Amino acid sequence: MGTLRIFTASVLPLLACKQRMTHEHDWMTTDSVIACPDPHCLSQLKIIRTGITTFKHSETTVVPLGST
């Protein structure tokens, strides 16, 4: 169970990076298999972009742009 937590915690920051548009030769674009950081864990996770979604600011919050 501890290894699963380590693996999940190590993958979460990468998910945010994989959502962003990057250069076509950037390793974040070309590498899709993520290995568990624990040397005794053989788990791997494959992250594949399946599409692009555009969000409008007004659809995700009631706070107007430019306000602090």
PDB file of N, CA and C in Angstrom:
ATOM      1  N   MET A   1       0.817  -1.196   0.000  1.00  0.00           N
ATOM      2  CA  MET A   1       0.000   0.000   0.000  1.00  0.00           C
ATOM      3  C   MET A   1       0.862   1.263   0.000  1.00  0.00           C
ATOM      4  N   GLY A   2       1.998   1.226   0.696  1.00  0.00           N
ATOM      5  CA  GLY A   2       2.883   2.381   0.737  1.00  0.00           C
ATOM      6  C   GLY A   2       3.463   2.714  -0.622  1.00  0.00           C
ATOM      7  N   THR A   3       3.780   1.681  -1.395  1.00  0.00           N
ATOM      8  CA  THR A   3       4.342   1.889  -2.728  1.00  0.00           C
ATOM      9  C   THR A   3       3.330   2.564  -3.640  1.00  0.00           C
ATOM     10  N   LEU A   4       2.064   2.199  -3.514  1.00  0.00           N
ATOM     11  CA  LEU A   4       1.021   2.823  -4.329  1.00  0.00           C
ATOM     12  C   LEU A   4       0.919   4.313  -4.022  1.00  0.00           C
ATOM     13  N   ARG A   5       1.031   4.676  -2.764  1.00  0.00           N
ATOM     14  CA  ARG A   5       0.980   6.095  -2.393  1.00  0.00           C
ATOM     15  C   ARG A   5       2.168   6.852  -2.976  1.00  0.00           C
ATOM     16  N   ILE A   6       3.345   6.251  -2.903  1.00  0.00           N
ATOM     17  CA  ILE A   6       4.543   6.890  -3.460  1.00  0.00           C
ATOM     18  C   ILE A   6       4.380   7.075  -4.962  1.00  0.00           C
ATOM     19  N   PHE A   7       3.886   6.042  -5.631  1.00  0.00           N
ATOM     20  CA  PHE A   7       3.708   6.096  -7.080  1.00  0.00           C
ATOM     21  C   PHE A   7       2.691   7.166  -7.457  1.00  0.00           C
ATOM     22  N   THR A   8       1.570   7.192  -6.768  1.00  0.00           N
ATOM     23  CA  THR A   8       0.533   8.179  -7.054  1.00  0.00           C
ATOM     24  C   THR A   8       1.044   9.589  -6.792  1.00  0.00           C
ATOM     25  N   ALA A   9       1.734   9.787  -5.694  1.00  0.00           N
ATOM     26  CA  ALA A   9       2.269  11.104  -5.360  1.00  0.00           C
ATOM     27  C   ALA A   9       3.309  11.566  -6.375  1.00  0.00           C
ATOM     28  N   SER A  10       4.057  10.648  -6.938  1.00  0.00           N
ATOM     29  CA  SER A  10       5.084  11.029  -7.911  1.00  0.00           C
ATOM     30  C   SER A  10       4.491  11.329  -9.282  1.00  0.00           C
ATOM     31  N   VAL A  11       3.332  10.778  -9.583  1.00  0.00           N
ATOM     32  CA  VAL A  11       2.709  10.974 -10.896  1.00  0.00           C
ATOM     33  C   VAL A  11       1.874  12.254 -10.947  1.00  0.00           C
ATOM     34  N   LEU A  12       1.278  12.669  -9.847  1.00  0.00           N
ATOM     35  CA  LEU A  12       0.376  13.826  -9.847  1.00  0.00           C
ATOM     36  C   LEU A  12       0.994  15.097 -10.435  1.00  0.00           C
ATOM     37  N   PRO A  13       2.227  15.486 -10.083  1.00  0.00           N
ATOM     38  CA  PRO A  13       2.803  16.681 -10.710  1.00  0.00           C
ATOM     39  C   PRO A  13       3.002  16.523 -12.218  1.00  0.00           C
ATOM     40  N   LEU A  14       3.252  15.316 -12.661  1.00  0.00           N
ATOM     41  CA  LEU A  14       3.452  15.090 -14.092  1.00  0.00           C
ATOM     42  C   LEU A  14       2.153  15.234 -14.873  1.00  0.00           C
ATOM     43  N   LEU A  15       1.023  14.913 -14.257  1.00  0.00           N
ATOM     44  CA  LEU A  15      -0.258  15.047 -14.946  1.00  0.00           C
ATOM     45  C   LEU A  15      -0.525  16.497 -15.330  1.00  0.00           C
ATOM     46  N   ALA A  16      -0.219  17.418 -14.429  1.00  0.00           N
ATOM     47  CA  ALA A  16      -0.404  18.837 -14.736  1.00  0.00           C
ATOM     48  C   ALA A  16       0.503  19.262 -15.890  1.00  0.00           C
ATOM     49  N   CYS A  17       1.726  18.764 -15.914  1.00  0.00           N
ATOM     50  CA  CYS A  17       2.662  19.090 -16.999  1.00  0.00           C
ATOM     51  C   CYS A  17       2.214  18.483 -18.321  1.00  0.00           C
ATOM     52  N   LYS A  18       1.683  17.270 -18.277  1.00  0.00           N
ATOM     53  CA  LYS A  18       1.250  16.599 -19.501  1.00  0.00           C
ATOM     54  C   LYS A  18       0.027  17.282 -20.119  1.00  0.00           C
ATOM     55  N   GLN A  19      -0.727  18.049 -19.332  1.00  0.00           N
ATOM     56  CA  GLN A  19      -1.902  18.739 -19.850  1.00  0.00           C
ATOM     57  C   GLN A  19      -1.526  19.974 -20.659  1.00  0.00           C
ATOM     58  N   ARG A  20      -0.359  20.529 -20.407  1.00  0.00           N
ATOM     59  CA  ARG A  20       0.056  21.749 -21.096  1.00  0.00           C
ATOM     60  C   ARG A  20       0.609  21.429 -22.480  1.00  0.00           C
ATOM     61  N   MET A  21       0.454  22.370 -23.392  1.00  0.00           N
ATOM     62  CA  MET A  21       1.038  22.231 -24.720  1.00  0.00           C
ATOM     63  C   MET A  21       2.543  22.468 -24.603  1.00  0.00           C
ATOM     64  N   THR A  22       3.334  21.577 -25.183  1.00  0.00           N
ATOM     65  CA  THR A  22       4.786  21.695 -25.146  1.00  0.00           C
ATOM     66  C   THR A  22       5.332  21.540 -26.559  1.00  0.00           C
ATOM     67  N   HIS A  23       6.617  21.792 -26.714  1.00  0.00           N
ATOM     68  CA  HIS A  23       7.268  21.625 -28.014  1.00  0.00           C
ATOM     69  C   HIS A  23       7.211  20.158 -28.415  1.00  0.00           C
ATOM     70  N   GLU A  24       7.090  19.901 -29.702  1.00  0.00           N
ATOM     71  CA  GLU A  24       6.942  18.518 -30.165  1.00  0.00           C
ATOM     72  C   GLU A  24       8.143  17.637 -29.839  1.00  0.00           C
ATOM     73  N   HIS A  25       9.322  18.220 -29.592  1.00  0.00           N
ATOM     74  CA  HIS A  25      10.511  17.434 -29.264  1.00  0.00           C
ATOM     75  C   HIS A  25      10.831  17.446 -27.767  1.00  0.00           C
ATOM     76  N   ASP A  26       9.988  18.078 -26.973  1.00  0.00           N
ATOM     77  CA  ASP A  26      10.176  18.106 -25.517  1.00  0.00           C
ATOM     78  C   ASP A  26       9.934  16.702 -24.968  1.00  0.00           C
ATOM     79  N   TRP A  27      10.711  16.302 -23.968  1.00  0.00           N
ATOM     80  CA  TRP A  27      10.550  14.951 -23.410  1.00  0.00           C
ATOM     81  C   TRP A  27       9.172  14.771 -22.794  1.00  0.00           C
ATOM     82  N   MET A  28       8.566  15.853 -22.355  1.00  0.00           N
ATOM     83  CA  MET A  28       7.238  15.750 -21.760  1.00  0.00           C
ATOM     84  C   MET A  28       6.200  15.373 -22.824  1.00  0.00           C
ATOM     85  N   THR A  29       6.464  15.708 -24.066  1.00  0.00           N
ATOM     86  CA  THR A  29       5.570  15.346 -25.166  1.00  0.00           C
ATOM     87  C   THR A  29       5.869  13.947 -25.683  1.00  0.00           C
ATOM     88  N   THR A  30       7.140  13.596 -25.769  1.00  0.00           N
ATOM     89  CA  THR A  30       7.516  12.335 -26.410  1.00  0.00           C
ATOM     90  C   THR A  30       7.495  11.131 -25.478  1.00  0.00           C
ATOM     91  N   ASP A  31       7.733  11.333 -24.181  1.00  0.00           N
ATOM     92  CA  ASP A  31       7.755  10.209 -23.237  1.00  0.00           C
ATOM     93  C   ASP A  31       6.391  10.055 -22.582  1.00  0.00           C
ATOM     94  N   SER A  32       5.794   8.884 -22.696  1.00  0.00           N
ATOM     95  CA  SER A  32       4.459   8.691 -22.126  1.00  0.00           C
ATOM     96  C   SER A  32       4.431   7.643 -21.018  1.00  0.00           C
ATOM     97  N   VAL A  33       5.503   6.867 -20.848  1.00  0.00           N
ATOM     98  CA  VAL A  33       5.535   5.835 -19.809  1.00  0.00           C
ATOM     99  C   VAL A  33       6.285   6.374 -18.592  1.00  0.00           C
ATOM    100  N   ILE A  34       5.603   6.359 -17.448  1.00  0.00           N
ATOM    101  CA  ILE A  34       6.172   6.847 -16.197  1.00  0.00           C
ATOM    102  C   ILE A  34       6.407   5.648 -15.286  1.00  0.00           C
ATOM    103  N   ALA A  35       7.619   5.515 -14.776  1.00  0.00           N
ATOM    104  CA  ALA A  35       7.955   4.399 -13.892  1.00  0.00           C
ATOM    105  C   ALA A  35       7.857   4.838 -12.439  1.00  0.00           C
ATOM    106  N   CYS A  36       7.564   3.905 -11.582  1.00  0.00           N
ATOM    107  CA  CYS A  36       7.502   4.152 -10.141  1.00  0.00           C
ATOM    108  C   CYS A  36       8.905   4.522  -9.652  1.00  0.00           C
ATOM    109  N   PRO A  37       9.034   5.547  -8.790  1.00  0.00           N
ATOM    110  CA  PRO A  37      10.362   5.935  -8.309  1.00  0.00           C
ATOM    111  C   PRO A  37      10.986   4.939  -7.334  1.00  0.00           C
ATOM    112  N   ASP A  38      10.191   4.033  -6.797  1.00  0.00           N
ATOM    113  CA  ASP A  38      10.705   3.018  -5.877  1.00  0.00           C
ATOM    114  C   ASP A  38      11.442   1.954  -6.691  1.00  0.00           C
ATOM    115  N   PRO A  39      12.726   1.695  -6.429  1.00  0.00           N
ATOM    116  CA  PRO A  39      13.475   0.719  -7.223  1.00  0.00           C
ATOM    117  C   PRO A  39      12.947  -0.711  -7.104  1.00  0.00           C
ATOM    118  N   HIS A  40      12.188  -1.010  -6.063  1.00  0.00           N
ATOM    119  CA  HIS A  40      11.636  -2.354  -5.886  1.00  0.00           C
ATOM    120  C   HIS A  40      10.237  -2.495  -6.490  1.00  0.00           C
ATOM    121  N   CYS A  41       9.694  -1.409  -6.973  1.00  0.00           N
ATOM    122  CA  CYS A  41       8.357  -1.412  -7.574  1.00  0.00           C
ATOM    123  C   CYS A  41       8.510  -1.482  -9.094  1.00  0.00           C
ATOM    124  N   LEU A  42       7.828  -2.392  -9.732  1.00  0.00           N
ATOM    125  CA  LEU A  42       7.939  -2.557 -11.183  1.00  0.00           C
ATOM    126  C   LEU A  42       6.787  -1.897 -11.932  1.00  0.00           C
ATOM    127  N   SER A  43       5.956  -1.137 -11.229  1.00  0.00           N
ATOM    128  CA  SER A  43       4.783  -0.515 -11.850  1.00  0.00           C
ATOM    129  C   SER A  43       5.185   0.567 -12.835  1.00  0.00           C
ATOM    130  N   GLN A  44       4.396   0.684 -13.893  1.00  0.00           N
ATOM    131  CA  GLN A  44       4.559   1.744 -14.876  1.00  0.00           C
ATOM    132  C   GLN A  44       3.176   2.274 -15.225  1.00  0.00           C
ATOM    133  N   LEU A  45       3.115   3.541 -15.571  1.00  0.00           N
ATOM    134  CA  LEU A  45       1.864   4.179 -15.937  1.00  0.00           C
ATOM    135  C   LEU A  45       2.060   4.858 -17.280  1.00  0.00           C
ATOM    136  N   LYS A  46       1.138   4.649 -18.188  1.00  0.00           N
ATOM    137  CA  LYS A  46       1.224   5.275 -19.502  1.00  0.00           C
ATOM    138  C   LYS A  46       0.203   6.401 -19.570  1.00  0.00           C
ATOM    139  N   ILE A  47       0.676   7.599 -19.842  1.00  0.00           N
ATOM    140  CA  ILE A  47      -0.180   8.778 -19.924  1.00  0.00           C
ATOM    141  C   ILE A  47      -0.284   9.183 -21.392  1.00  0.00           C
ATOM    142  N   ILE A  48      -1.499   9.168 -21.915  1.00  0.00           N
ATOM    143  CA  ILE A  48      -1.728   9.494 -23.324  1.00  0.00           C
ATOM    144  C   ILE A  48      -2.723  10.640 -23.418  1.00  0.00           C
ATOM    145  N   ARG A  49      -2.368  11.659 -24.184  1.00  0.00           N
ATOM    146  CA  ARG A  49      -3.296  12.765 -24.434  1.00  0.00           C
ATOM    147  C   ARG A  49      -4.349  12.273 -25.423  1.00  0.00           C
ATOM    148  N   THR A  50      -5.611  12.366 -25.030  1.00  0.00           N
ATOM    149  CA  THR A  50      -6.696  11.879 -25.889  1.00  0.00           C
ATOM    150  C   THR A  50      -7.433  13.004 -26.591  1.00  0.00           C
ATOM    151  N   GLY A  51      -7.187  14.222 -26.191  1.00  0.00           N
ATOM    152  CA  GLY A  51      -7.865  15.353 -26.820  1.00  0.00           C
ATOM    153  C   GLY A  51      -7.485  16.648 -26.130  1.00  0.00           C
ATOM    154  N   ILE A  52      -7.976  17.747 -26.673  1.00  0.00           N
ATOM    155  CA  ILE A  52      -7.716  19.065 -26.114  1.00  0.00           C
ATOM    156  C   ILE A  52      -9.057  19.688 -25.752  1.00  0.00           C
ATOM    157  N   THR A  53      -9.143  20.199 -24.539  1.00  0.00           N
ATOM    158  CA  THR A  53     -10.357  20.859 -24.075  1.00  0.00           C
ATOM    159  C   THR A  53     -10.032  22.309 -23.759  1.00  0.00           C
ATOM    160  N   THR A  54     -10.873  23.222 -24.214  1.00  0.00           N
ATOM    161  CA  THR A  54     -10.700  24.635 -23.930  1.00  0.00           C
ATOM    162  C   THR A  54     -11.741  25.056 -22.904  1.00  0.00           C
ATOM    163  N   PHE A  55     -11.273  25.659 -21.819  1.00  0.00           N
ATOM    164  CA  PHE A  55     -12.163  26.139 -20.771  1.00  0.00           C
ATOM    165  C   PHE A  55     -12.249  27.655 -20.840  1.00  0.00           C
ATOM    166  N   LYS A  56     -13.454  28.181 -20.702  1.00  0.00           N
ATOM    167  CA  LYS A  56     -13.645  29.625 -20.605  1.00  0.00           C
ATOM    168  C   LYS A  56     -13.622  29.999 -19.127  1.00  0.00           C
ATOM    169  N   HIS A  57     -12.978  31.102 -18.821  1.00  0.00           N
ATOM    170  CA  HIS A  57     -12.867  31.551 -17.433  1.00  0.00           C
ATOM    171  C   HIS A  57     -14.245  31.706 -16.807  1.00  0.00           C
ATOM    172  N   SER A  58     -15.178  32.269 -17.543  1.00  0.00           N
ATOM    173  CA  SER A  58     -16.517  32.518 -17.002  1.00  0.00           C
ATOM    174  C   SER A  58     -17.287  31.236 -16.709  1.00  0.00           C
ATOM    175  N   GLU A  59     -16.899  30.133 -17.323  1.00  0.00           N
ATOM    176  CA  GLU A  59     -17.584  28.863 -17.090  1.00  0.00           C
ATOM    177  C   GLU A  59     -17.021  28.109 -15.884  1.00  0.00           C
ATOM    178  N   THR A  60     -15.868  28.531 -15.391  1.00  0.00           N
ATOM    179  CA  THR A  60     -15.235  27.791 -14.301  1.00  0.00           C
ATOM    180  C   THR A  60     -15.207  28.540 -12.974  1.00  0.00           C
ATOM    181  N   THR A  61     -15.532  29.842 -12.987  1.00  0.00           N
ATOM    182  CA  THR A  61     -15.516  30.624 -11.751  1.00  0.00           C
ATOM    183  C   THR A  61     -16.468  31.808 -11.864  1.00  0.00           C
ATOM    184  N   VAL A  62     -16.879  32.337 -10.733  1.00  0.00           N
ATOM    185  CA  VAL A  62     -17.715  33.541 -10.733  1.00  0.00           C
ATOM    186  C   VAL A  62     -16.874  34.793 -10.506  1.00  0.00           C
ATOM    187  N   VAL A  63     -15.596  34.625 -10.205  1.00  0.00           N
ATOM    188  CA  VAL A  63     -14.699  35.753  -9.973  1.00  0.00           C
ATOM    189  C   VAL A  63     -14.287  36.329 -11.325  1.00  0.00           C
ATOM    190  N   PRO A  64     -14.553  37.620 -11.569  1.00  0.00           N
ATOM    191  CA  PRO A  64     -14.196  38.202 -12.866  1.00  0.00           C
ATOM    192  C   PRO A  64     -12.682  38.334 -13.027  1.00  0.00           C
ATOM    193  N   LEU A  65     -12.227  38.339 -14.270  1.00  0.00           N
ATOM    194  CA  LEU A  65     -10.803  38.525 -14.549  1.00  0.00           C
ATOM    195  C   LEU A  65     -10.358  39.915 -14.117  1.00  0.00           C
ATOM    196  N   GLY A  66      -9.155  40.029 -13.628  1.00  0.00           N
ATOM    197  CA  GLY A  66      -8.591  41.314 -13.241  1.00  0.00           C
ATOM    198  C   GLY A  66      -8.865  41.719 -11.810  1.00  0.00           C
ATOM    199  N   SER A  67      -9.735  41.007 -11.109  1.00  0.00           N
ATOM    200  CA  SER A  67      -9.987  41.368  -9.712  1.00  0.00           C
ATOM    201  C   SER A  67      -8.994  40.639  -8.814  1.00  0.00           C
ATOM    202  N   THR A  68      -8.655  41.260  -7.699  1.00  0.00           N
ATOM    203  CA  THR A  68      -7.705  40.626  -6.778  1.00  0.00           C
ATOM    204  C   THR A  68      -8.324  40.344  -5.445  1.00  0.00           C
TER     205      THR A  68
END
